[in-house]
N, C-alpha and C. Protein backbone atom coordinates (compact mmCIF):
# COMPACT_ATOMS: atom_id res chain seq x y z
N MET A 1 194.59 31.45 -51.52
CA MET A 1 195.56 31.91 -52.50
C MET A 1 195.38 33.42 -52.68
N LYS A 2 196.45 34.14 -52.52
CA LYS A 2 196.41 35.59 -52.73
C LYS A 2 196.41 35.88 -54.23
N ASN A 3 195.78 37.00 -54.60
CA ASN A 3 195.76 37.35 -56.02
C ASN A 3 195.64 38.86 -56.19
N ARG A 4 195.97 39.30 -57.39
CA ARG A 4 195.94 40.72 -57.76
C ARG A 4 194.76 41.04 -58.69
N LEU A 5 193.79 40.16 -58.74
CA LEU A 5 192.72 40.31 -59.72
C LEU A 5 191.95 41.63 -59.59
N ARG A 6 191.61 42.01 -58.37
CA ARG A 6 190.85 43.25 -58.16
C ARG A 6 191.64 44.46 -58.68
N VAL A 7 192.94 44.50 -58.38
CA VAL A 7 193.80 45.61 -58.83
C VAL A 7 193.90 45.64 -60.35
N LEU A 8 194.14 44.49 -60.95
CA LEU A 8 194.26 44.42 -62.41
C LEU A 8 192.97 44.83 -63.10
N ARG A 9 191.86 44.39 -62.53
CA ARG A 9 190.55 44.75 -63.10
C ARG A 9 190.32 46.26 -62.97
N ALA A 10 190.63 46.81 -61.81
CA ALA A 10 190.43 48.25 -61.57
C ALA A 10 191.30 49.10 -62.49
N GLU A 11 192.51 48.65 -62.76
CA GLU A 11 193.40 49.39 -63.65
C GLU A 11 192.81 49.54 -65.05
N ARG A 12 191.94 48.62 -65.40
CA ARG A 12 191.32 48.65 -66.74
C ARG A 12 189.90 49.21 -66.70
N ASN A 13 189.48 49.66 -65.51
CA ASN A 13 188.13 50.20 -65.33
C ASN A 13 187.05 49.20 -65.72
N TRP A 14 187.28 47.93 -65.41
CA TRP A 14 186.30 46.88 -65.68
C TRP A 14 185.53 46.60 -64.40
N SER A 15 184.24 46.40 -64.53
CA SER A 15 183.44 45.96 -63.39
C SER A 15 183.64 44.45 -63.23
N GLN A 16 183.19 43.92 -62.11
CA GLN A 16 183.24 42.46 -61.95
C GLN A 16 182.43 41.79 -63.05
N ALA A 17 181.31 42.39 -63.40
CA ALA A 17 180.46 41.83 -64.46
C ALA A 17 181.18 41.85 -65.81
N ASP A 18 181.92 42.92 -66.10
CA ASP A 18 182.68 43.00 -67.36
C ASP A 18 183.70 41.86 -67.44
N LEU A 19 184.44 41.68 -66.35
CA LEU A 19 185.46 40.63 -66.33
C LEU A 19 184.81 39.26 -66.43
N ALA A 20 183.74 39.06 -65.69
CA ALA A 20 183.03 37.78 -65.72
C ALA A 20 182.57 37.43 -67.13
N GLU A 21 182.05 38.42 -67.84
CA GLU A 21 181.59 38.19 -69.20
C GLU A 21 182.74 37.76 -70.11
N GLN A 22 183.87 38.42 -69.98
CA GLN A 22 185.02 38.08 -70.82
C GLN A 22 185.56 36.67 -70.52
N LEU A 23 185.43 36.26 -69.26
CA LEU A 23 185.95 34.94 -68.86
C LEU A 23 184.88 33.85 -68.93
N GLU A 24 183.65 34.24 -69.25
CA GLU A 24 182.51 33.32 -69.34
C GLU A 24 182.25 32.60 -68.01
N VAL A 25 182.27 33.40 -66.93
CA VAL A 25 181.91 32.92 -65.59
C VAL A 25 180.93 33.91 -65.00
N SER A 26 180.41 33.60 -63.82
CA SER A 26 179.47 34.52 -63.17
C SER A 26 180.21 35.65 -62.45
N ARG A 27 179.51 36.74 -62.21
CA ARG A 27 180.08 37.83 -61.44
C ARG A 27 180.41 37.35 -60.03
N GLN A 28 179.59 36.45 -59.51
CA GLN A 28 179.82 35.91 -58.17
C GLN A 28 181.15 35.15 -58.11
N THR A 29 181.52 34.48 -59.20
CA THR A 29 182.81 33.78 -59.26
C THR A 29 183.95 34.78 -59.16
N ILE A 30 183.85 35.88 -59.88
CA ILE A 30 184.89 36.92 -59.82
C ILE A 30 184.99 37.47 -58.41
N ASN A 31 183.85 37.75 -57.80
CA ASN A 31 183.84 38.27 -56.44
C ASN A 31 184.50 37.28 -55.48
N ALA A 32 184.18 36.02 -55.60
CA ALA A 32 184.74 35.00 -54.71
C ALA A 32 186.26 34.86 -54.89
N ILE A 33 186.74 34.97 -56.12
CA ILE A 33 188.18 34.91 -56.36
C ILE A 33 188.85 36.14 -55.75
N GLU A 34 188.28 37.31 -56.00
CA GLU A 34 188.88 38.56 -55.49
C GLU A 34 188.92 38.60 -53.97
N THR A 35 187.93 38.04 -53.31
CA THR A 35 187.89 38.04 -51.85
C THR A 35 188.58 36.82 -51.26
N GLU A 36 189.23 36.05 -52.11
CA GLU A 36 190.01 34.87 -51.72
C GLU A 36 189.18 33.81 -51.02
N LYS A 37 187.89 33.73 -51.40
CA LYS A 37 187.02 32.68 -50.87
C LYS A 37 186.98 31.48 -51.81
N TYR A 38 187.53 31.65 -53.01
CA TYR A 38 187.50 30.59 -54.02
C TYR A 38 188.78 30.68 -54.84
N ASP A 39 189.42 29.54 -55.04
CA ASP A 39 190.59 29.48 -55.91
C ASP A 39 190.13 29.00 -57.28
N PRO A 40 190.51 29.71 -58.34
CA PRO A 40 190.06 29.31 -59.67
C PRO A 40 190.66 27.97 -60.08
N SER A 41 189.96 27.29 -60.96
CA SER A 41 190.50 26.06 -61.55
C SER A 41 191.72 26.44 -62.38
N LEU A 42 192.54 25.48 -62.68
CA LEU A 42 193.72 25.76 -63.50
C LEU A 42 193.34 26.31 -64.88
N PRO A 43 192.34 25.72 -65.57
CA PRO A 43 191.95 26.32 -66.85
C PRO A 43 191.49 27.77 -66.73
N LEU A 44 190.76 28.08 -65.66
CA LEU A 44 190.31 29.47 -65.47
C LEU A 44 191.49 30.37 -65.15
N ALA A 45 192.43 29.90 -64.35
CA ALA A 45 193.63 30.68 -64.04
C ALA A 45 194.41 31.00 -65.31
N PHE A 46 194.53 30.01 -66.20
CA PHE A 46 195.20 30.25 -67.49
C PHE A 46 194.44 31.28 -68.32
N LYS A 47 193.12 31.19 -68.31
CA LYS A 47 192.29 32.13 -69.06
C LYS A 47 192.46 33.55 -68.54
N ILE A 48 192.50 33.69 -67.22
CA ILE A 48 192.71 35.00 -66.60
C ILE A 48 194.08 35.55 -66.98
N ALA A 49 195.11 34.71 -66.86
CA ALA A 49 196.47 35.13 -67.20
C ALA A 49 196.56 35.55 -68.67
N HIS A 50 195.92 34.80 -69.54
CA HIS A 50 195.94 35.14 -70.97
C HIS A 50 195.24 36.47 -71.22
N LEU A 51 194.10 36.68 -70.57
CA LEU A 51 193.35 37.93 -70.75
C LEU A 51 194.18 39.14 -70.34
N PHE A 52 194.90 39.01 -69.22
CA PHE A 52 195.70 40.13 -68.73
C PHE A 52 197.13 40.13 -69.31
N GLN A 53 197.43 39.14 -70.16
CA GLN A 53 198.75 39.02 -70.79
C GLN A 53 199.86 39.00 -69.74
N MET A 54 199.65 38.16 -68.73
CA MET A 54 200.60 38.01 -67.63
C MET A 54 200.74 36.52 -67.33
N SER A 55 201.77 36.19 -66.56
CA SER A 55 201.91 34.81 -66.12
C SER A 55 200.95 34.56 -64.95
N ILE A 56 200.57 33.31 -64.78
CA ILE A 56 199.71 32.94 -63.65
C ILE A 56 200.37 33.38 -62.34
N GLU A 57 201.68 33.14 -62.23
CA GLU A 57 202.40 33.46 -61.00
C GLU A 57 202.42 34.95 -60.68
N SER A 58 202.28 35.80 -61.69
CA SER A 58 202.27 37.24 -61.43
C SER A 58 200.89 37.72 -60.98
N ILE A 59 199.88 36.87 -61.10
CA ILE A 59 198.53 37.22 -60.67
C ILE A 59 198.17 36.52 -59.36
N PHE A 60 198.55 35.24 -59.26
CA PHE A 60 198.20 34.42 -58.10
C PHE A 60 199.46 34.02 -57.34
N GLN A 61 199.40 34.12 -56.02
CA GLN A 61 200.51 33.69 -55.17
C GLN A 61 199.95 32.76 -54.10
N TYR A 62 200.54 31.60 -53.99
CA TYR A 62 200.15 30.64 -52.95
C TYR A 62 200.60 31.17 -51.60
N ASP A 63 199.66 31.26 -50.66
CA ASP A 63 200.01 31.83 -49.35
C ASP A 63 200.31 30.79 -48.29
N GLY A 64 200.18 29.52 -48.62
CA GLY A 64 200.52 28.45 -47.69
C GLY A 64 199.46 28.18 -46.63
N ALA A 65 198.46 29.03 -46.52
CA ALA A 65 197.41 28.82 -45.54
C ALA A 65 196.36 27.86 -46.10
N ASN A 66 195.54 27.35 -45.25
CA ASN A 66 194.39 26.47 -45.56
C ASN A 66 194.38 25.33 -44.62
């Protein structure tokens, strides 16, 4: 699944650790999502969307691969 998480985080000058703390996940989880090695659970996707005040669809795009 493609995502804009790295760009959104960078626009706010947040480190992966900063974002992880706000979402109550590990920094490794943020890294895995950003590098598209891990797709977040639906509750985590909602939490991310809420934090950035955006829709899930504006952050994550299904790429059809897998």
